[in-house]
């Protein structure tokens, strides 16, 4: 368990690098079995373990989707929103050593 900080710089399509080195005491720090990421800003945080990425998703206005229910979309490649930069993002990770 720990926190993840997002800098005010640019968000890249496909996500930000996700690493646990220095955040957990485990020989398999770069090989988690499962990860849950949670914040309070209203954005959805997702771990892409296959690509070692941290993806941020947002809800679009349904009117932009023709009024229909639309899935959450990944942030566009641009500066990270201020709400994400200010958020306290927590993660819980299970590492193969403990499973």
PDB file of N, CA and C in Angstrom:
ATOM      1  N   UNK A   1       0.851  -1.159   0.000  1.00  0.00           N
ATOM      2  CA  UNK A   1       0.000   0.000   0.000  1.00  0.00           C
ATOM      3  C   UNK A   1       0.904   1.231   0.000  1.00  0.00           C
ATOM      4  N   UNK A   2       0.498   2.230  -0.772  1.00  0.00           N
ATOM      5  CA  UNK A   2       1.272   3.454  -0.854  1.00  0.00           C
ATOM      6  C   UNK A   2       0.533   4.489  -1.665  1.00  0.00           C
ATOM      7  N   UNK A   3       1.229   5.523  -2.066  1.00  0.00           N
ATOM      8  CA  UNK A   3       0.619   6.581  -2.862  1.00  0.00           C
ATOM      9  C   UNK A   3       1.383   6.774  -4.170  1.00  0.00           C
ATOM     10  N   UNK A   4       0.671   7.320  -5.142  1.00  0.00           N
ATOM     11  CA  UNK A   4       1.245   7.631  -6.456  1.00  0.00           C
ATOM     12  C   UNK A   4       1.010   9.115  -6.697  1.00  0.00           C
ATOM     13  N   UNK A   5       2.031   9.830  -7.091  1.00  0.00           N
ATOM     14  CA  UNK A   5       1.900  11.248  -7.409  1.00  0.00           C
ATOM     15  C   UNK A   5       1.974  11.430  -8.923  1.00  0.00           C
ATOM     16  N   UNK A   6       1.108  12.279  -9.441  1.00  0.00           N
ATOM     17  CA  UNK A   6       1.133  12.621 -10.865  1.00  0.00           C
ATOM     18  C   UNK A   6       1.649  14.050 -10.961  1.00  0.00           C
ATOM     19  N   UNK A   7       2.725  14.233 -11.704  1.00  0.00           N
ATOM     20  CA  UNK A   7       3.317  15.564 -11.870  1.00  0.00           C
ATOM     21  C   UNK A   7       2.460  16.404 -12.815  1.00  0.00           C
ATOM     22  N   UNK A   8       2.686  17.683 -12.776  1.00  0.00           N
ATOM     23  CA  UNK A   8       1.910  18.601 -13.602  1.00  0.00           C
ATOM     24  C   UNK A   8       2.278  18.531 -15.083  1.00  0.00           C
ATOM     25  N   UNK A   9       3.208  17.685 -15.444  1.00  0.00           N
ATOM     26  CA  UNK A   9       3.629  17.570 -16.845  1.00  0.00           C
ATOM     27  C   UNK A   9       2.594  16.906 -17.723  1.00  0.00           C
ATOM     28  N   UNK A  10       3.021  16.493 -18.871  1.00  0.00           N
ATOM     29  CA  UNK A  10       2.109  15.934 -19.866  1.00  0.00           C
ATOM     30  C   UNK A  10       1.744  14.485 -19.562  1.00  0.00           C
ATOM     31  N   UNK A  11       0.488  14.153 -19.845  1.00  0.00           N
ATOM     32  CA  UNK A  11       0.001  12.777 -19.786  1.00  0.00           C
ATOM     33  C   UNK A  11       0.193  12.181 -21.171  1.00  0.00           C
ATOM     34  N   UNK A  12       0.747  11.000 -21.249  1.00  0.00           N
ATOM     35  CA  UNK A  12       1.004  10.350 -22.530  1.00  0.00           C
ATOM     36  C   UNK A  12      -0.092   9.343 -22.848  1.00  0.00           C
ATOM     37  N   UNK A  13      -0.491   9.270 -24.104  1.00  0.00           N
ATOM     38  CA  UNK A  13      -1.454   8.262 -24.525  1.00  0.00           C
ATOM     39  C   UNK A  13      -0.884   6.891 -24.204  1.00  0.00           C
ATOM     40  N   UNK A  14      -1.707   6.025 -23.624  1.00  0.00           N
ATOM     41  CA  UNK A  14      -1.245   4.706 -23.224  1.00  0.00           C
ATOM     42  C   UNK A  14      -0.867   4.643 -21.757  1.00  0.00           C
ATOM     43  N   UNK A  15      -0.767   5.814 -21.101  1.00  0.00           N
ATOM     44  CA  UNK A  15      -0.530   5.846 -19.671  1.00  0.00           C
ATOM     45  C   UNK A  15       0.855   6.310 -19.272  1.00  0.00           C
ATOM     46  N   UNK A  16       0.988   6.513 -17.984  1.00  0.00           N
ATOM     47  CA  UNK A  16       2.255   6.912 -17.383  1.00  0.00           C
ATOM     48  C   UNK A  16       2.987   5.673 -16.889  1.00  0.00           C
ATOM     49  N   UNK A  17       4.303   5.720 -16.788  1.00  0.00           N
ATOM     50  CA  UNK A  17       5.038   4.560 -16.271  1.00  0.00           C
ATOM     51  C   UNK A  17       4.579   4.204 -14.856  1.00  0.00           C
ATOM     52  N   UNK A  18       4.414   2.921 -14.599  1.00  0.00           N
ATOM     53  CA  UNK A  18       4.002   2.433 -13.285  1.00  0.00           C
ATOM     54  C   UNK A  18       5.107   1.546 -12.738  1.00  0.00           C
ATOM     55  N   UNK A  19       5.729   1.994 -11.660  1.00  0.00           N
ATOM     56  CA  UNK A  19       6.789   1.211 -11.032  1.00  0.00           C
ATOM     57  C   UNK A  19       6.602   1.243  -9.523  1.00  0.00           C
ATOM     58  N   UNK A  20       6.986   0.184  -8.881  1.00  0.00           N
ATOM     59  CA  UNK A  20       6.865   0.093  -7.432  1.00  0.00           C
ATOM     60  C   UNK A  20       8.225   0.080  -6.753  1.00  0.00           C
ATOM     61  N   UNK A  21       9.296   0.233  -7.517  1.00  0.00           N
ATOM     62  CA  UNK A  21      10.641   0.249  -6.958  1.00  0.00           C
ATOM     63  C   UNK A  21      10.753   1.440  -6.007  1.00  0.00           C
ATOM     64  N   UNK A  22      11.197   1.173  -4.786  1.00  0.00           N
ATOM     65  CA  UNK A  22      11.321   2.208  -3.782  1.00  0.00           C
ATOM     66  C   UNK A  22      10.047   2.469  -3.006  1.00  0.00           C
ATOM     67  N   UNK A  23       8.933   1.890  -3.450  1.00  0.00           N
ATOM     68  CA  UNK A  23       7.658   2.086  -2.760  1.00  0.00           C
ATOM     69  C   UNK A  23       7.281   0.895  -1.898  1.00  0.00           C
ATOM     70  N   UNK A  24       7.806  -0.268  -2.222  1.00  0.00           N
ATOM     71  CA  UNK A  24       7.510  -1.477  -1.447  1.00  0.00           C
ATOM     72  C   UNK A  24       8.805  -2.236  -1.212  1.00  0.00           C
ATOM     73  N   UNK A  25       8.821  -3.018  -0.159  1.00  0.00           N
ATOM     74  CA  UNK A  25       9.990  -3.844   0.151  1.00  0.00           C
ATOM     75  C   UNK A  25       9.716  -5.243  -0.361  1.00  0.00           C
ATOM     76  N   UNK A  26      10.093  -5.499  -1.589  1.00  0.00           N
ATOM     77  CA  UNK A  26       9.855  -6.801  -2.199  1.00  0.00           C
ATOM     78  C   UNK A  26      10.872  -7.037  -3.300  1.00  0.00           C
ATOM     79  N   UNK A  27      11.350  -8.232  -3.389  1.00  0.00           N
ATOM     80  CA  UNK A  27      12.286  -8.584  -4.461  1.00  0.00           C
ATOM     81  C   UNK A  27      11.588  -8.559  -5.813  1.00  0.00           C
ATOM     82  N   UNK A  28      10.263  -8.694  -5.801  1.00  0.00           N
ATOM     83  CA  UNK A  28       9.506  -8.710  -7.063  1.00  0.00           C
ATOM     84  C   UNK A  28       8.740  -7.408  -7.242  1.00  0.00           C
ATOM     85  N   UNK A  29       9.347  -6.280  -6.867  1.00  0.00           N
ATOM     86  CA  UNK A  29       8.660  -4.988  -6.873  1.00  0.00           C
ATOM     87  C   UNK A  29       8.160  -4.575  -8.252  1.00  0.00           C
ATOM     88  N   UNK A  30       8.752  -5.091  -9.311  1.00  0.00           N
ATOM     89  CA  UNK A  30       8.282  -4.736 -10.648  1.00  0.00           C
ATOM     90  C   UNK A  30       7.378  -5.802 -11.240  1.00  0.00           C
ATOM     91  N   UNK A  31       6.920  -6.740 -10.416  1.00  0.00           N
ATOM     92  CA  UNK A  31       6.114  -7.831 -10.947  1.00  0.00           C
ATOM     93  C   UNK A  31       4.916  -8.119 -10.039  1.00  0.00           C
ATOM     94  N   UNK A  32       3.997  -7.134  -9.880  1.00  0.00           N
ATOM     95  CA  UNK A  32       2.853  -7.372  -9.013  1.00  0.00           C
ATOM     96  C   UNK A  32       1.869  -8.348  -9.650  1.00  0.00           C
ATOM     97  N   UNK A  33       1.142  -9.044  -8.807  1.00  0.00           N
ATOM     98  CA  UNK A  33       0.111  -9.985  -9.250  1.00  0.00           C
ATOM     99  C   UNK A  33      -1.199  -9.250  -9.522  1.00  0.00           C
ATOM    100  N   UNK A  34      -1.514  -8.270  -8.678  1.00  0.00           N
ATOM    101  CA  UNK A  34      -2.743  -7.484  -8.819  1.00  0.00           C
ATOM    102  C   UNK A  34      -2.515  -6.113  -8.200  1.00  0.00           C
ATOM    103  N   UNK A  35      -3.172  -5.094  -8.776  1.00  0.00           N
ATOM    104  CA  UNK A  35      -3.045  -3.730  -8.271  1.00  0.00           C
ATOM    105  C   UNK A  35      -4.410  -3.055  -8.323  1.00  0.00           C
ATOM    106  N   UNK A  36      -4.736  -2.335  -7.260  1.00  0.00           N
ATOM    107  CA  UNK A  36      -5.935  -1.503  -7.246  1.00  0.00           C
ATOM    108  C   UNK A  36      -5.467  -0.072  -6.983  1.00  0.00           C
ATOM    109  N   UNK A  37      -5.951   0.868  -7.776  1.00  0.00           N
ATOM    110  CA  UNK A  37      -5.568   2.266  -7.633  1.00  0.00           C
ATOM    111  C   UNK A  37      -6.846   3.083  -7.451  1.00  0.00           C
ATOM    112  N   UNK A  38      -6.816   3.997  -6.492  1.00  0.00           N
ATOM    113  CA  UNK A  38      -8.022   4.733  -6.145  1.00  0.00           C
ATOM    114  C   UNK A  38      -7.680   6.156  -5.734  1.00  0.00           C
ATOM    115  N   UNK A  39      -8.525   7.090  -6.130  1.00  0.00           N
ATOM    116  CA  UNK A  39      -8.375   8.484  -5.724  1.00  0.00           C
ATOM    117  C   UNK A  39      -9.742   9.078  -5.463  1.00  0.00           C
ATOM    118  N   UNK A  40      -9.768  10.392  -5.220  1.00  0.00           N
ATOM    119  CA  UNK A  40     -11.029  11.062  -4.901  1.00  0.00           C
ATOM    120  C   UNK A  40     -11.399  12.148  -5.897  1.00  0.00           C
ATOM    121  N   UNK A  41     -10.630  12.324  -6.944  1.00  0.00           N
ATOM    122  CA  UNK A  41     -10.833  13.445  -7.864  1.00  0.00           C
ATOM    123  C   UNK A  41     -11.987  13.249  -8.842  1.00  0.00           C
ATOM    124  N   UNK A  42     -12.510  12.024  -8.934  1.00  0.00           N
ATOM    125  CA  UNK A  42     -13.568  11.755  -9.902  1.00  0.00           C
ATOM    126  C   UNK A  42     -13.051  11.078 -11.163  1.00  0.00           C
ATOM    127  N   UNK A  43     -11.745  10.962 -11.291  1.00  0.00           N
ATOM    128  CA  UNK A  43     -11.153  10.238 -12.412  1.00  0.00           C
ATOM    129  C   UNK A  43     -10.984   8.776 -11.999  1.00  0.00           C
ATOM    130  N   UNK A  44     -10.954   7.893 -12.990  1.00  0.00           N
ATOM    131  CA  UNK A  44     -10.738   6.474 -12.718  1.00  0.00           C
ATOM    132  C   UNK A  44      -9.290   6.146 -13.034  1.00  0.00           C
ATOM    133  N   UNK A  45      -8.625   5.510 -12.086  1.00  0.00           N
ATOM    134  CA  UNK A  45      -7.228   5.129 -12.258  1.00  0.00           C
ATOM    135  C   UNK A  45      -7.155   3.625 -12.466  1.00  0.00           C
ATOM    136  N   UNK A  46      -6.349   3.221 -13.407  1.00  0.00           N
ATOM    137  CA  UNK A  46      -6.269   1.806 -13.791  1.00  0.00           C
ATOM    138  C   UNK A  46      -4.813   1.398 -13.989  1.00  0.00           C
ATOM    139  N   UNK A  47      -4.469   0.207 -13.522  1.00  0.00           N
ATOM    140  CA  UNK A  47      -3.129  -0.327 -13.726  1.00  0.00           C
ATOM    141  C   UNK A  47      -3.139  -1.266 -14.924  1.00  0.00           C
ATOM    142  N   UNK A  48      -2.271  -1.001 -15.883  1.00  0.00           N
ATOM    143  CA  UNK A  48      -2.063  -1.892 -17.034  1.00  0.00           C
ATOM    144  C   UNK A  48      -0.780  -2.666 -16.734  1.00  0.00           C
ATOM    145  N   UNK A  49      -0.928  -3.826 -16.105  1.00  0.00           N
ATOM    146  CA  UNK A  49       0.238  -4.587 -15.643  1.00  0.00           C
ATOM    147  C   UNK A  49       1.048  -5.184 -16.783  1.00  0.00           C
ATOM    148  N   UNK A  50       0.409  -5.463 -17.904  1.00  0.00           N
ATOM    149  CA  UNK A  50       1.142  -6.037 -19.038  1.00  0.00           C
ATOM    150  C   UNK A  50       2.143  -5.048 -19.615  1.00  0.00           C
ATOM    151  N   UNK A  51       1.814  -3.759 -19.547  1.00  0.00           N
ATOM    152  CA  UNK A  51       2.678  -2.734 -20.125  1.00  0.00           C
ATOM    153  C   UNK A  51       3.321  -1.830 -19.078  1.00  0.00           C
ATOM    154  N   UNK A  52       3.145  -2.167 -17.777  1.00  0.00           N
ATOM    155  CA  UNK A  52       3.691  -1.366 -16.679  1.00  0.00           C
ATOM    156  C   UNK A  52       3.293   0.103 -16.804  1.00  0.00           C
ATOM    157  N   UNK A  53       1.989   0.313 -17.019  1.00  0.00           N
ATOM    158  CA  UNK A  53       1.472   1.674 -17.177  1.00  0.00           C
ATOM    159  C   UNK A  53       0.355   1.960 -16.182  1.00  0.00           C
ATOM    160  N   UNK A  54       0.152   3.227 -15.910  1.00  0.00           N
ATOM    161  CA  UNK A  54      -0.857   3.762 -15.017  1.00  0.00           C
ATOM    162  C   UNK A  54      -1.768   4.615 -15.896  1.00  0.00           C
ATOM    163  N   UNK A  55      -2.990   4.147 -16.149  1.00  0.00           N
ATOM    164  CA  UNK A  55      -3.903   4.807 -17.080  1.00  0.00           C
ATOM    165  C   UNK A  55      -4.935   5.623 -16.308  1.00  0.00           C
ATOM    166  N   UNK A  56      -5.243   6.804 -16.821  1.00  0.00           N
ATOM    167  CA  UNK A  56      -6.256   7.670 -16.210  1.00  0.00           C
ATOM    168  C   UNK A  56      -7.420   7.785 -17.187  1.00  0.00           C
ATOM    169  N   UNK A  57      -8.616   7.479 -16.694  1.00  0.00           N
ATOM    170  CA  UNK A  57      -9.823   7.542 -17.525  1.00  0.00           C
ATOM    171  C   UNK A  57     -10.754   8.621 -16.996  1.00  0.00           C
ATOM    172  N   UNK A  58     -11.567   9.158 -17.909  1.00  0.00           N
ATOM    173  CA  UNK A  58     -12.498  10.225 -17.558  1.00  0.00           C
ATOM    174  C   UNK A  58     -13.859   9.966 -18.189  1.00  0.00           C
ATOM    175  N   UNK A  59     -14.863  10.608 -17.638  1.00  0.00           N
ATOM    176  CA  UNK A  59     -16.204  10.515 -18.209  1.00  0.00           C
ATOM    177  C   UNK A  59     -16.410  11.717 -19.108  1.00  0.00           C
ATOM    178  N   UNK A  60     -16.942  11.462 -20.281  1.00  0.00           N
ATOM    179  CA  UNK A  60     -17.280  12.542 -21.199  1.00  0.00           C
ATOM    180  C   UNK A  60     -18.745  12.894 -21.042  1.00  0.00           C
ATOM    181  N   UNK A  61     -19.104  14.053 -21.484  1.00  0.00           N
ATOM    182  CA  UNK A  61     -20.501  14.466 -21.472  1.00  0.00           C
ATOM    183  C   UNK A  61     -21.285  13.545 -22.403  1.00  0.00           C
ATOM    184  N   UNK A  62     -22.356  12.901 -21.910  1.00  0.00           N
ATOM    185  CA  UNK A  62     -23.132  11.996 -22.780  1.00  0.00           C
ATOM    186  C   UNK A  62     -23.645  12.676 -24.044  1.00  0.00           C
ATOM    187  N   UNK A  63     -23.824  13.983 -24.007  1.00  0.00           N
ATOM    188  CA  UNK A  63     -24.270  14.696 -25.212  1.00  0.00           C
ATOM    189  C   UNK A  63     -23.236  14.586 -26.320  1.00  0.00           C
ATOM    190  N   UNK A  64     -21.952  14.452 -25.937  1.00  0.00           N
ATOM    191  CA  UNK A  64     -20.897  14.293 -26.938  1.00  0.00           C
ATOM    192  C   UNK A  64     -20.966  12.926 -27.603  1.00  0.00           C
ATOM    193  N   UNK A  65     -21.632  11.971 -26.971  1.00  0.00           N
ATOM    194  CA  UNK A  65     -21.774  10.630 -27.529  1.00  0.00           C
ATOM    195  C   UNK A  65     -23.148  10.419 -28.148  1.00  0.00           C
ATOM    196  N   UNK A  66     -23.807  11.496 -28.491  1.00  0.00           N
ATOM    197  CA  UNK A  66     -25.136  11.382 -29.087  1.00  0.00           C
ATOM    198  C   UNK A  66     -26.214  11.094 -28.049  1.00  0.00           C
ATOM    199  N   UNK A  67     -25.931  11.374 -26.787  1.00  0.00           N
ATOM    200  CA  UNK A  67     -26.900  11.159 -25.735  1.00  0.00           C
ATOM    201  C   UNK A  67     -26.926   9.734 -25.215  1.00  0.00           C
ATOM    202  N   UNK A  68     -26.127   8.864 -25.807  1.00  0.00           N
ATOM    203  CA  UNK A  68     -26.107   7.455 -25.400  1.00  0.00           C
ATOM    204  C   UNK A  68     -25.108   7.247 -24.268  1.00  0.00           C
ATOM    205  N   UNK A  69     -25.243   6.120 -23.601  1.00  0.00           N
ATOM    206  CA  UNK A  69     -24.239   5.757 -22.609  1.00  0.00           C
ATOM    207  C   UNK A  69     -22.930   5.489 -23.332  1.00  0.00           C
ATOM    208  N   UNK A  70     -21.879   6.099 -22.870  1.00  0.00           N
ATOM    209  CA  UNK A  70     -20.581   5.919 -23.510  1.00  0.00           C
ATOM    210  C   UNK A  70     -19.577   5.451 -22.454  1.00  0.00           C
ATOM    211  N   UNK A  71     -18.620   4.617 -22.838  1.00  0.00           N
ATOM    212  CA  UNK A  71     -17.630   4.138 -21.873  1.00  0.00           C
ATOM    213  C   UNK A  71     -16.667   5.257 -21.476  1.00  0.00           C
ATOM    214  N   UNK A  72     -16.001   5.051 -20.358  1.00  0.00           N
ATOM    215  CA  UNK A  72     -14.983   6.004 -19.940  1.00  0.00           C
ATOM    216  C   UNK A  72     -13.850   5.990 -20.955  1.00  0.00           C
ATOM    217  N   UNK A  73     -13.297   7.149 -21.219  1.00  0.00           N
ATOM    218  CA  UNK A  73     -12.209   7.240 -22.187  1.00  0.00           C
ATOM    219  C   UNK A  73     -10.906   7.606 -21.479  1.00  0.00           C
ATOM    220  N   UNK A  74      -9.812   7.216 -22.081  1.00  0.00           N
ATOM    221  CA  UNK A  74      -8.511   7.579 -21.541  1.00  0.00           C
ATOM    222  C   UNK A  74      -8.277   9.069 -21.769  1.00  0.00           C
ATOM    223  N   UNK A  75      -7.573   9.703 -20.851  1.00  0.00           N
ATOM    224  CA  UNK A  75      -7.214  11.110 -21.046  1.00  0.00           C
ATOM    225  C   UNK A  75      -6.464  11.265 -22.356  1.00  0.00           C
ATOM    226  N   UNK A  76      -6.642  12.388 -22.986  1.00  0.00           N
ATOM    227  CA  UNK A  76      -5.892  12.686 -24.207  1.00  0.00           C
ATOM    228  C   UNK A  76      -4.464  13.062 -23.819  1.00  0.00           C
ATOM    229  N   UNK A  77      -3.552  12.918 -24.758  1.00  0.00           N
ATOM    230  CA  UNK A  77      -2.164  13.317 -24.528  1.00  0.00           C
ATOM    231  C   UNK A  77      -2.127  14.837 -24.376  1.00  0.00           C
ATOM    232  N   UNK A  78      -1.986  15.292 -23.146  1.00  0.00           N
ATOM    233  CA  UNK A  78      -1.970  16.724 -22.827  1.00  0.00           C
ATOM    234  C   UNK A  78      -1.516  16.869 -21.376  1.00  0.00           C
ATOM    235  N   UNK A  79      -1.559  18.086 -20.877  1.00  0.00           N
ATOM    236  CA  UNK A  79      -1.210  18.311 -19.474  1.00  0.00           C
ATOM    237  C   UNK A  79      -2.215  17.593 -18.582  1.00  0.00           C
ATOM    238  N   UNK A  80      -1.737  16.972 -17.531  1.00  0.00           N
ATOM    239  CA  UNK A  80      -2.621  16.280 -16.589  1.00  0.00           C
ATOM    240  C   UNK A  80      -3.535  17.311 -15.933  1.00  0.00           C
ATOM    241  N   UNK A  81      -4.830  16.990 -15.777  1.00  0.00           N
ATOM    242  CA  UNK A  81      -5.753  17.932 -15.140  1.00  0.00           C
ATOM    243  C   UNK A  81      -5.312  18.272 -13.715  1.00  0.00           C
ATOM    244  N   UNK A  82      -5.585  19.486 -13.282  1.00  0.00           N
ATOM    245  CA  UNK A  82      -5.196  19.939 -11.940  1.00  0.00           C
ATOM    246  C   UNK A  82      -5.784  19.046 -10.858  1.00  0.00           C
ATOM    247  N   UNK A  83      -7.005  18.538 -11.073  1.00  0.00           N
ATOM    248  CA  UNK A  83      -7.633  17.667 -10.074  1.00  0.00           C
ATOM    249  C   UNK A  83      -6.848  16.372  -9.892  1.00  0.00           C
ATOM    250  N   UNK A  84      -6.228  15.869 -10.956  1.00  0.00           N
ATOM    251  CA  UNK A  84      -5.420  14.653 -10.871  1.00  0.00           C
ATOM    252  C   UNK A  84      -4.102  14.953 -10.171  1.00  0.00           C
ATOM    253  N   UNK A  85      -3.481  16.064 -10.512  1.00  0.00           N
ATOM    254  CA  UNK A  85      -2.201  16.444  -9.905  1.00  0.00           C
ATOM    255  C   UNK A  85      -2.374  16.657  -8.397  1.00  0.00           C
ATOM    256  N   UNK A  86      -3.509  17.219  -7.981  1.00  0.00           N
ATOM    257  CA  UNK A  86      -3.760  17.506  -6.562  1.00  0.00           C
ATOM    258  C   UNK A  86      -4.310  16.301  -5.801  1.00  0.00           C
ATOM    259  N   UNK A  87      -4.726  15.255  -6.504  1.00  0.00           N
ATOM    260  CA  UNK A  87      -5.365  14.106  -5.865  1.00  0.00           C
ATOM    261  C   UNK A  87      -4.371  13.299  -5.023  1.00  0.00           C
ATOM    262  N   UNK A  88      -4.876  12.698  -3.955  1.00  0.00           N
ATOM    263  CA  UNK A  88      -4.100  11.726  -3.185  1.00  0.00           C
ATOM    264  C   UNK A  88      -4.482  10.361  -3.741  1.00  0.00           C
ATOM    265  N   UNK A  89      -3.612   9.798  -4.553  1.00  0.00           N
ATOM    266  CA  UNK A  89      -3.884   8.546  -5.249  1.00  0.00           C
ATOM    267  C   UNK A  89      -3.223   7.416  -4.465  1.00  0.00           C
ATOM    268  N   UNK A  90      -4.025   6.472  -4.034  1.00  0.00           N
ATOM    269  CA  UNK A  90      -3.521   5.351  -3.235  1.00  0.00           C
ATOM    270  C   UNK A  90      -3.535   4.074  -4.063  1.00  0.00           C
ATOM    271  N   UNK A  91      -2.555   3.218  -3.794  1.00  0.00           N
ATOM    272  CA  UNK A  91      -2.544   1.915  -4.468  1.00  0.00           C
ATOM    273  C   UNK A  91      -2.417   0.806  -3.438  1.00  0.00           C
ATOM    274  N   UNK A  92      -2.989  -0.319  -3.783  1.00  0.00           N
ATOM    275  CA  UNK A  92      -2.839  -1.565  -3.040  1.00  0.00           C
ATOM    276  C   UNK A  92      -2.312  -2.566  -4.047  1.00  0.00           C
ATOM    277  N   UNK A  93      -1.248  -3.238  -3.725  1.00  0.00           N
ATOM    278  CA  UNK A  93      -0.645  -4.186  -4.665  1.00  0.00           C
ATOM    279  C   UNK A  93      -0.362  -5.509  -3.968  1.00  0.00           C
ATOM    280  N   UNK A  94      -0.626  -6.593  -4.682  1.00  0.00           N
ATOM    281  CA  UNK A  94      -0.266  -7.929  -4.226  1.00  0.00           C
ATOM    282  C   UNK A  94       0.868  -8.414  -5.123  1.00  0.00           C
ATOM    283  N   UNK A  95       1.926  -8.851  -4.492  1.00  0.00           N
ATOM    284  CA  UNK A  95       3.067  -9.320  -5.252  1.00  0.00           C
ATOM    285  C   UNK A  95       3.138 -10.839  -5.208  1.00  0.00           C
ATOM    286  N   UNK A  96       3.656 -11.428  -6.242  1.00  0.00           N
ATOM    287  CA  UNK A  96       3.667 -12.878  -6.380  1.00  0.00           C
ATOM    288  C   UNK A  96       4.306 -13.580  -5.206  1.00  0.00           C
ATOM    289  N   UNK A  97       5.223 -12.926  -4.526  1.00  0.00           N
ATOM    290  CA  UNK A  97       5.870 -13.499  -3.362  1.00  0.00           C
ATOM    291  C   UNK A  97       4.848 -13.784  -2.259  1.00  0.00           C
ATOM    292  N   UNK A  98       3.760 -13.000  -2.216  1.00  0.00           N
ATOM    293  CA  UNK A  98       2.781 -13.108  -1.151  1.00  0.00           C
ATOM    294  C   UNK A  98       1.504 -13.819  -1.565  1.00  0.00           C
ATOM    295  N   UNK A  99       1.412 -14.289  -2.795  1.00  0.00           N
ATOM    296  CA  UNK A  99       0.185 -14.932  -3.272  1.00  0.00           C
ATOM    297  C   UNK A  99       0.353 -16.437  -3.255  1.00  0.00           C
TER     298      UNK A  99
END
